N, C-alpha and C. Protein backbone atom coordinates (compact mmCIF):
# COMPACT_ATOMS: atom_id res chain seq x y z
N MET A 1 -301.81 -77.96 -92.33
CA MET A 1 -303.12 -78.82 -93.10
C MET A 1 -303.93 -79.97 -91.81
N PRO A 2 -305.08 -79.29 -92.05
CA PRO A 2 -305.90 -80.43 -90.84
C PRO A 2 -306.33 -81.52 -91.78
N VAL A 3 -306.57 -82.85 -90.87
CA VAL A 3 -305.48 -84.15 -91.48
C VAL A 3 -307.08 -84.64 -90.71
N ARG A 4 -307.47 -85.75 -91.48
CA ARG A 4 -309.12 -86.51 -90.82
C ARG A 4 -308.34 -87.15 -89.82
N GLY A 5 -309.13 -86.19 -88.39
CA GLY A 5 -309.34 -86.79 -87.39
C GLY A 5 -307.91 -86.91 -86.53
N LEU A 6 -306.58 -86.58 -87.15
CA LEU A 6 -305.75 -86.82 -86.61
C LEU A 6 -304.88 -85.28 -86.26
N GLY A 7 -305.83 -84.44 -86.30
CA GLY A 7 -305.22 -83.17 -86.44
C GLY A 7 -304.50 -82.41 -87.16
N ASP A 8 -303.67 -81.21 -86.45
CA ASP A 8 -302.76 -80.78 -87.46
C ASP A 8 -301.72 -81.28 -87.66
N TYR A 9 -300.91 -81.15 -89.05
CA TYR A 9 -299.55 -81.53 -89.03
C TYR A 9 -298.51 -80.87 -88.15
N ASP A 10 -297.76 -81.37 -87.83
CA ASP A 10 -296.75 -81.17 -86.72
C ASP A 10 -295.66 -80.46 -87.50
N SER A 11 -295.25 -79.21 -87.74
CA SER A 11 -293.87 -78.82 -88.92
C SER A 11 -292.91 -78.99 -88.13
N ASP A 12 -292.96 -79.30 -86.47
CA ASP A 12 -291.30 -79.44 -86.45
C ASP A 12 -291.24 -80.76 -85.26
N ASN A 13 -291.94 -81.60 -85.85
CA ASN A 13 -291.82 -83.51 -85.71
C ASN A 13 -290.10 -83.57 -86.10
N ILE A 14 -289.95 -84.68 -85.66
CA ILE A 14 -288.18 -85.22 -86.15
C ILE A 14 -288.32 -85.42 -87.53
N PHE A 15 -289.06 -85.61 -88.66
CA PHE A 15 -289.19 -86.10 -89.90
C PHE A 15 -289.06 -85.17 -90.89
N ALA A 16 -289.83 -84.11 -90.52
CA ALA A 16 -289.92 -82.42 -90.95
C ALA A 16 -288.60 -81.98 -91.06
N LYS A 17 -288.20 -81.99 -89.76
CA LYS A 17 -286.39 -81.16 -89.24
C LYS A 17 -285.54 -82.25 -90.22
N ILE A 18 -285.92 -83.56 -90.12
CA ILE A 18 -284.92 -83.76 -91.24
C ILE A 18 -284.78 -83.75 -92.56
N LEU A 19 -285.97 -83.68 -92.70
CA LEU A 19 -286.55 -83.08 -94.23
C LEU A 19 -285.61 -81.63 -94.77
N ARG A 20 -285.87 -80.70 -93.82
CA ARG A 20 -285.41 -79.69 -93.62
C ARG A 20 -283.81 -79.47 -93.52
N ASN A 21 -282.86 -80.79 -93.18
CA ASN A 21 -281.59 -80.85 -93.01
C ASN A 21 -281.48 -80.15 -91.68
N GLU A 22 -282.24 -79.77 -90.76
CA GLU A 22 -282.31 -79.13 -89.58
C GLU A 22 -281.32 -80.70 -88.32
N ILE A 23 -281.75 -81.34 -89.06
CA ILE A 23 -281.16 -82.78 -87.89
C ILE A 23 -280.55 -83.65 -89.29
N PRO A 24 -279.14 -84.22 -88.50
CA PRO A 24 -278.29 -85.10 -89.60
C PRO A 24 -279.54 -86.65 -89.74
N SER A 25 -279.16 -87.22 -90.84
CA SER A 25 -279.40 -88.66 -91.22
C SER A 25 -278.50 -89.07 -92.20
N ARG A 26 -278.98 -90.41 -91.76
CA ARG A 26 -277.83 -91.50 -92.89
C ARG A 26 -278.64 -91.86 -93.95
N ARG A 27 -278.59 -90.74 -94.98
CA ARG A 27 -279.59 -91.38 -96.27
C ARG A 27 -279.18 -92.49 -96.87
N VAL A 28 -279.97 -93.23 -97.11
CA VAL A 28 -279.57 -94.16 -98.54
C VAL A 28 -279.98 -94.17 -99.91
N TYR A 29 -280.77 -93.30 -99.94
CA TYR A 29 -281.65 -93.46 -101.46
C TYR A 29 -282.91 -91.22 -100.80
N GLU A 30 -282.33 -90.73 -101.93
CA GLU A 30 -283.54 -89.58 -102.05
C GLU A 30 -283.68 -89.35 -103.18
N ASP A 31 -285.03 -88.84 -103.87
CA ASP A 31 -285.54 -88.62 -104.72
C ASP A 31 -286.69 -87.40 -104.67
N ASP A 32 -287.16 -87.05 -105.78
CA ASP A 32 -288.11 -85.73 -105.64
C ASP A 32 -289.30 -85.93 -104.58
N PHE A 33 -289.53 -87.16 -104.32
CA PHE A 33 -290.84 -88.01 -103.96
C PHE A 33 -290.60 -88.09 -102.73
N ALA A 34 -289.87 -88.41 -102.14
CA ALA A 34 -289.22 -89.62 -100.80
C ALA A 34 -287.22 -89.43 -100.58
N ILE A 35 -287.25 -89.51 -99.25
CA ILE A 35 -285.91 -89.97 -98.88
C ILE A 35 -286.04 -91.13 -98.02
N ALA A 36 -284.67 -91.46 -97.69
CA ALA A 36 -284.84 -92.92 -97.15
C ALA A 36 -283.63 -93.12 -96.14
N PHE A 37 -283.33 -93.50 -94.78
CA PHE A 37 -282.37 -93.01 -94.12
C PHE A 37 -282.55 -94.26 -92.73
N HIS A 38 -281.47 -94.60 -92.36
CA HIS A 38 -281.45 -95.98 -91.61
C HIS A 38 -282.23 -94.73 -90.41
N ASP A 39 -282.59 -96.12 -89.74
CA ASP A 39 -283.61 -95.89 -88.62
C ASP A 39 -282.67 -95.66 -87.34
N ILE A 40 -282.39 -94.74 -86.28
CA ILE A 40 -281.55 -94.98 -85.50
C ILE A 40 -281.85 -95.69 -84.25
N ASN A 41 -282.68 -96.50 -84.18
CA ASN A 41 -283.04 -97.59 -83.26
C ASN A 41 -283.41 -98.67 -84.13
N PRO A 42 -282.48 -99.24 -84.59
CA PRO A 42 -282.66 -100.88 -85.90
C PRO A 42 -283.06 -101.44 -84.76
N GLN A 43 -284.67 -102.38 -85.55
CA GLN A 43 -285.27 -103.37 -84.90
C GLN A 43 -284.61 -104.80 -85.92
N ALA A 44 -283.83 -104.34 -86.72
CA ALA A 44 -283.22 -105.78 -88.19
C ALA A 44 -281.88 -105.14 -88.28
N PRO A 45 -281.43 -105.79 -88.45
CA PRO A 45 -280.00 -105.84 -89.21
C PRO A 45 -280.02 -104.83 -90.13
N ILE A 46 -281.14 -105.04 -91.43
CA ILE A 46 -281.66 -103.27 -92.12
C ILE A 46 -282.62 -102.92 -91.73
N HIS A 47 -283.07 -102.09 -91.19
CA HIS A 47 -284.00 -100.79 -90.64
C HIS A 47 -283.79 -99.58 -91.35
N ILE A 48 -284.61 -99.52 -92.50
CA ILE A 48 -284.76 -97.98 -92.75
C ILE A 48 -286.13 -97.56 -93.17
N LEU A 49 -285.93 -96.28 -93.13
CA LEU A 49 -287.29 -95.32 -92.70
C LEU A 49 -287.50 -94.68 -94.15
N VAL A 50 -288.44 -94.50 -94.98
CA VAL A 50 -288.87 -94.23 -96.04
C VAL A 50 -290.09 -93.23 -96.02
N ILE A 51 -290.03 -91.65 -95.64
CA ILE A 51 -290.93 -90.70 -95.31
C ILE A 51 -290.99 -90.11 -97.25
N PRO A 52 -292.12 -89.41 -96.95
CA PRO A 52 -292.68 -88.38 -98.44
C PRO A 52 -291.99 -87.33 -98.19
N ARG A 53 -291.66 -86.34 -99.12
CA ARG A 53 -291.57 -85.31 -99.06
C ARG A 53 -292.37 -83.98 -98.47
N THR A 54 -293.44 -84.94 -98.67
CA THR A 54 -294.68 -83.49 -98.39
C THR A 54 -295.16 -83.99 -96.98
N PRO A 55 -295.89 -83.18 -96.06
CA PRO A 55 -296.31 -83.26 -95.24
C PRO A 55 -297.71 -83.54 -94.68
N HIS A 56 -297.73 -85.44 -94.50
CA HIS A 56 -299.05 -85.57 -94.49
C HIS A 56 -298.61 -86.58 -93.31
N ILE A 57 -300.00 -86.86 -92.14
CA ILE A 57 -299.43 -87.77 -90.75
C ILE A 57 -299.77 -89.30 -91.35
N SER A 58 -300.96 -89.88 -91.94
CA SER A 58 -301.01 -91.10 -92.19
C SER A 58 -301.41 -91.42 -93.43
N LEU A 59 -301.36 -92.67 -93.74
CA LEU A 59 -301.62 -93.28 -95.10
C LEU A 59 -303.21 -92.67 -96.12
N ALA A 60 -303.86 -92.24 -94.89
CA ALA A 60 -305.44 -92.05 -95.43
C ALA A 60 -305.15 -90.84 -95.84
N ASP A 61 -304.49 -90.15 -94.75
CA ASP A 61 -304.45 -88.51 -95.23
C ASP A 61 -302.96 -88.43 -97.07
N PHE A 62 -301.97 -88.98 -96.85
CA PHE A 62 -301.44 -89.45 -98.03
C PHE A 62 -301.95 -89.72 -99.13
N ALA A 63 -303.12 -90.61 -99.33
CA ALA A 63 -303.33 -91.14 -100.53
C ALA A 63 -304.62 -90.69 -101.13
N THR A 64 -305.02 -90.00 -99.96
CA THR A 64 -306.21 -89.37 -100.56
C THR A 64 -306.22 -87.30 -100.51
N THR A 65 -305.01 -86.88 -100.19
CA THR A 65 -304.67 -85.48 -100.52
C THR A 65 -303.50 -85.40 -101.05
N ALA A 66 -302.33 -86.11 -101.18
CA ALA A 66 -301.13 -85.84 -102.40
C ALA A 66 -301.57 -86.05 -103.59
N PRO A 67 -301.04 -85.47 -104.33
CA PRO A 67 -301.29 -85.73 -106.12
C PRO A 67 -300.69 -87.69 -105.89
N PRO A 68 -301.76 -87.68 -107.27
CA PRO A 68 -301.18 -89.52 -107.51
C PRO A 68 -300.10 -89.51 -108.11
N GLU A 69 -299.35 -89.02 -108.67
CA GLU A 69 -297.84 -88.97 -109.31
C GLU A 69 -296.97 -88.74 -108.21
N THR A 70 -297.29 -88.05 -106.55
CA THR A 70 -296.80 -88.15 -105.42
C THR A 70 -296.62 -89.16 -104.93
N VAL A 71 -297.91 -89.96 -104.71
CA VAL A 71 -298.34 -91.16 -103.85
C VAL A 71 -297.03 -92.11 -104.66
N ALA A 72 -297.65 -92.31 -106.37
CA ALA A 72 -296.98 -93.15 -106.96
C ALA A 72 -295.05 -93.41 -106.90
N GLY A 73 -294.80 -92.07 -106.57
CA GLY A 73 -293.64 -91.94 -106.62
C GLY A 73 -292.82 -92.05 -105.37
N PHE A 74 -293.62 -91.95 -105.04
CA PHE A 74 -292.93 -92.80 -102.84
C PHE A 74 -293.24 -94.07 -102.72
N PHE A 75 -294.13 -94.39 -103.34
CA PHE A 75 -293.99 -95.97 -103.24
C PHE A 75 -293.03 -96.45 -104.45
N ARG A 76 -292.89 -96.39 -105.35
CA ARG A 76 -291.92 -96.23 -106.52
C ARG A 76 -290.10 -96.27 -105.05
N ALA A 77 -290.03 -95.03 -104.64
CA ALA A 77 -288.94 -94.81 -103.87
C ALA A 77 -288.53 -96.45 -102.54
N VAL A 78 -290.12 -96.95 -102.55
CA VAL A 78 -289.67 -98.00 -101.16
C VAL A 78 -288.99 -98.71 -101.99
N ALA A 79 -289.54 -99.50 -103.15
CA ALA A 79 -289.00 -100.57 -104.15
C ALA A 79 -287.75 -100.45 -104.63
N ILE A 80 -287.30 -98.88 -104.90
CA ILE A 80 -286.20 -99.08 -105.36
C ILE A 80 -285.24 -99.11 -104.03
N VAL A 81 -285.66 -98.63 -103.24
CA VAL A 81 -284.76 -99.17 -102.02
C VAL A 81 -284.77 -100.20 -101.76
N ALA A 82 -285.56 -101.26 -101.50
CA ALA A 82 -285.08 -102.69 -101.04
C ALA A 82 -284.71 -103.26 -102.40
N ARG A 83 -284.69 -102.84 -103.51
CA ARG A 83 -284.00 -103.50 -104.61
C ARG A 83 -282.35 -102.88 -104.04
N GLN A 84 -282.30 -101.83 -103.71
CA GLN A 84 -280.90 -101.59 -104.23
C GLN A 84 -280.25 -102.27 -102.38
N LEU A 85 -280.76 -102.20 -101.62
CA LEU A 85 -280.13 -102.86 -100.71
C LEU A 85 -280.10 -104.51 -100.54
N ASN A 86 -280.62 -105.02 -102.11
CA ASN A 86 -280.65 -106.07 -102.09
C ASN A 86 -281.47 -107.40 -101.12
N LEU A 87 -282.75 -106.70 -100.78
CA LEU A 87 -283.13 -107.31 -100.30
C LEU A 87 -284.61 -107.96 -100.81
N GLU A 88 -284.73 -107.95 -102.15
CA GLU A 88 -286.20 -108.94 -103.14
C GLU A 88 -285.83 -110.62 -102.99
N ASP A 89 -284.57 -111.12 -103.03
CA ASP A 89 -284.27 -111.75 -102.32
C ASP A 89 -283.24 -111.94 -101.63
N PRO A 90 -283.36 -112.34 -100.55
CA PRO A 90 -284.41 -113.25 -99.60
C PRO A 90 -285.69 -113.05 -98.93
N GLY A 91 -285.61 -111.72 -99.21
CA GLY A 91 -287.12 -111.24 -98.61
C GLY A 91 -286.80 -110.09 -97.66
N TYR A 92 -287.95 -109.41 -97.52
CA TYR A 92 -287.61 -108.29 -96.63
C TYR A 92 -289.45 -107.68 -96.06
N ARG A 93 -289.76 -107.21 -95.26
CA ARG A 93 -291.02 -106.37 -94.40
C ARG A 93 -290.67 -105.01 -94.62
N ILE A 94 -292.14 -104.86 -94.98
CA ILE A 94 -292.62 -103.40 -94.80
C ILE A 94 -293.73 -102.99 -93.76
N LEU A 95 -293.39 -101.78 -93.00
CA LEU A 95 -294.40 -101.73 -91.99
C LEU A 95 -294.85 -100.18 -92.10
N ALA A 96 -295.43 -99.89 -91.75
CA ALA A 96 -296.25 -98.42 -91.82
C ALA A 96 -297.58 -98.54 -91.11
N ASN A 97 -296.73 -97.72 -89.73
CA ASN A 97 -297.63 -97.68 -88.63
C ASN A 97 -298.55 -96.65 -88.41
N MET A 98 -300.07 -96.34 -87.95
CA MET A 98 -300.63 -95.10 -88.33
C MET A 98 -301.29 -95.61 -86.43
N GLY A 99 -301.52 -93.94 -86.40
CA GLY A 99 -302.26 -93.88 -85.08
C GLY A 99 -301.51 -94.48 -83.44
N HIS A 100 -302.35 -94.34 -82.25
CA HIS A 100 -301.98 -94.26 -81.44
C HIS A 100 -302.28 -96.04 -80.72
N HIS A 101 -303.25 -96.82 -81.58
CA HIS A 101 -303.16 -97.97 -81.49
C HIS A 101 -301.97 -99.00 -82.31
N ALA A 102 -301.14 -98.44 -83.08
CA ALA A 102 -300.10 -99.15 -83.48
C ALA A 102 -299.28 -98.79 -83.12
N HIS A 103 -299.01 -97.34 -82.58
CA HIS A 103 -297.77 -97.05 -82.11
C HIS A 103 -296.50 -96.27 -82.80
N GLN A 104 -297.68 -95.00 -83.51
CA GLN A 104 -297.19 -94.23 -84.55
C GLN A 104 -296.18 -93.36 -83.58
N GLU A 105 -295.07 -93.12 -83.57
CA GLU A 105 -293.88 -92.71 -83.16
C GLU A 105 -293.88 -91.35 -83.03
N VAL A 106 -293.87 -90.72 -84.81
CA VAL A 106 -293.34 -90.02 -85.53
C VAL A 106 -294.58 -89.32 -85.95
N PRO A 107 -295.44 -87.57 -86.04
CA PRO A 107 -296.49 -87.55 -86.93
C PRO A 107 -296.66 -86.99 -88.04
N HIS A 108 -295.50 -88.03 -89.22
CA HIS A 108 -294.86 -88.22 -90.30
C HIS A 108 -295.33 -89.34 -90.69
N PHE A 109 -296.08 -89.16 -91.76
CA PHE A 109 -296.56 -91.05 -92.69
C PHE A 109 -294.81 -91.22 -93.00
N HIS A 110 -294.82 -92.56 -92.91
CA HIS A 110 -293.52 -93.20 -92.98
C HIS A 110 -293.87 -94.97 -93.26
N VAL A 111 -293.01 -95.18 -94.03
CA VAL A 111 -292.51 -96.47 -93.75
C VAL A 111 -291.29 -97.07 -93.68
N HIS A 112 -291.17 -98.51 -93.18
CA HIS A 112 -290.20 -98.73 -92.10
C HIS A 112 -289.99 -100.13 -92.99
N ILE A 113 -288.81 -100.44 -93.73
CA ILE A 113 -288.67 -101.66 -94.40
C ILE A 113 -287.47 -102.27 -93.36
N PHE A 114 -287.65 -103.55 -93.16
CA PHE A 114 -286.72 -103.94 -92.46
C PHE A 114 -286.22 -105.46 -93.49
N GLY A 115 -285.27 -106.38 -92.99
CA GLY A 115 -284.38 -107.44 -93.76
C GLY A 115 -283.30 -107.49 -93.07
N GLY A 116 -282.58 -108.15 -93.54
CA GLY A 116 -280.98 -108.90 -93.37
C GLY A 116 -281.31 -110.57 -92.22
N ARG A 117 -281.99 -110.78 -92.16
CA ARG A 117 -282.37 -111.65 -91.28
C ARG A 117 -284.06 -112.30 -91.31
N PRO A 118 -284.39 -113.19 -91.13
CA PRO A 118 -285.62 -114.02 -90.64
C PRO A 118 -286.58 -113.29 -89.91
N LEU A 119 -287.51 -112.89 -90.27
CA LEU A 119 -287.85 -112.03 -89.47
C LEU A 119 -289.42 -112.46 -89.06
N GLY A 120 -289.70 -113.71 -89.31
CA GLY A 120 -290.90 -114.72 -88.43
C GLY A 120 -292.09 -113.50 -88.45
N HIS A 121 -292.86 -114.29 -87.45
CA HIS A 121 -294.35 -113.98 -87.59
C HIS A 121 -294.23 -112.66 -87.34
N MET A 122 -295.77 -111.54 -88.24
CA MET A 122 -295.24 -110.24 -87.56
C MET A 122 -295.98 -110.24 -86.29
N LEU A 123 -297.31 -111.09 -86.23
CA LEU A 123 -298.82 -111.00 -85.04
C LEU A 123 -298.65 -112.21 -85.27
N PRO A 124 -298.81 -112.56 -83.43
CA PRO A 124 -299.16 -114.18 -83.12
C PRO A 124 -300.27 -114.34 -83.64
N PRO A 125 -300.75 -115.74 -83.86
CA PRO A 125 -301.79 -115.88 -84.29
C PRO A 125 -303.10 -115.81 -83.07
N LEU A 126 -304.41 -115.77 -83.56
CA LEU A 126 -305.55 -115.47 -82.63
C LEU A 126 -305.95 -116.20 -81.99
N PRO A 127 -306.30 -116.33 -80.60
CA PRO A 127 -306.24 -117.73 -79.63
C PRO A 127 -307.94 -117.88 -80.41
N GLY A 128 -308.10 -119.47 -80.23
CA GLY A 128 -309.90 -119.92 -80.94
C GLY A 128 -309.71 -121.36 -81.74
């Protein structure tokens, strides 16, 4: 499916293969809308990836072309995972990288959940 400015969805990307169970993952949650699994290169004590079961490259693509119940179900899954991992208190961060400038490594929309320690500032302050 063509995606605004991002080319075609690559059905051979690693997340598509995980969705098809061609590559194993350490899953912590799954439902009809999403699966969540441990990142293989964790950047925090808890680092979970949540991916929709549908083939979307970016948030813009996902939010504008997926059915509303799919979008709601995906973000509900993100919240459920954070709650199940006991991250609501003391807190956690969610992050979604889109495109080259954000260093999106896998061309399948996904959200990172980070927690398990104080995470500090995400970006340094702008000079001036």
